[in-house]
């Protein structure tokens, strides 16, 4: 792999997919609005730079919610696969979102 990867602001997502197939496939299969965003929009200026959600979305939730769920991914998963949890991740999703847990009977 090259030590420095550079790309133009109009680089297509398919170009990124040649090395980042899993991220591309997740994004391409997504129903979220991120699907329409070019990889270089979020990963601009420096290869492998991962922006914070707040860099585009600000702070969209009230402080009380952010106190319970400190990371955006606690509820939204990852930017390439928003709100979609596969079977392997369901345990993590239930832990991250207590309201999704099944009710248990008291003994």
Foldseek 3Di string as FASTA:
>chain_A
DDPFDADDLPDAQVVVCVPVVVLLVLLCPEPDPLVPPGPCVQCPDGPPDGDAPCVPVNDPDDPVVCVLQVHPCLQQNDSSHGRDDDPVCVVSNCVSPVVPDDDDDDD
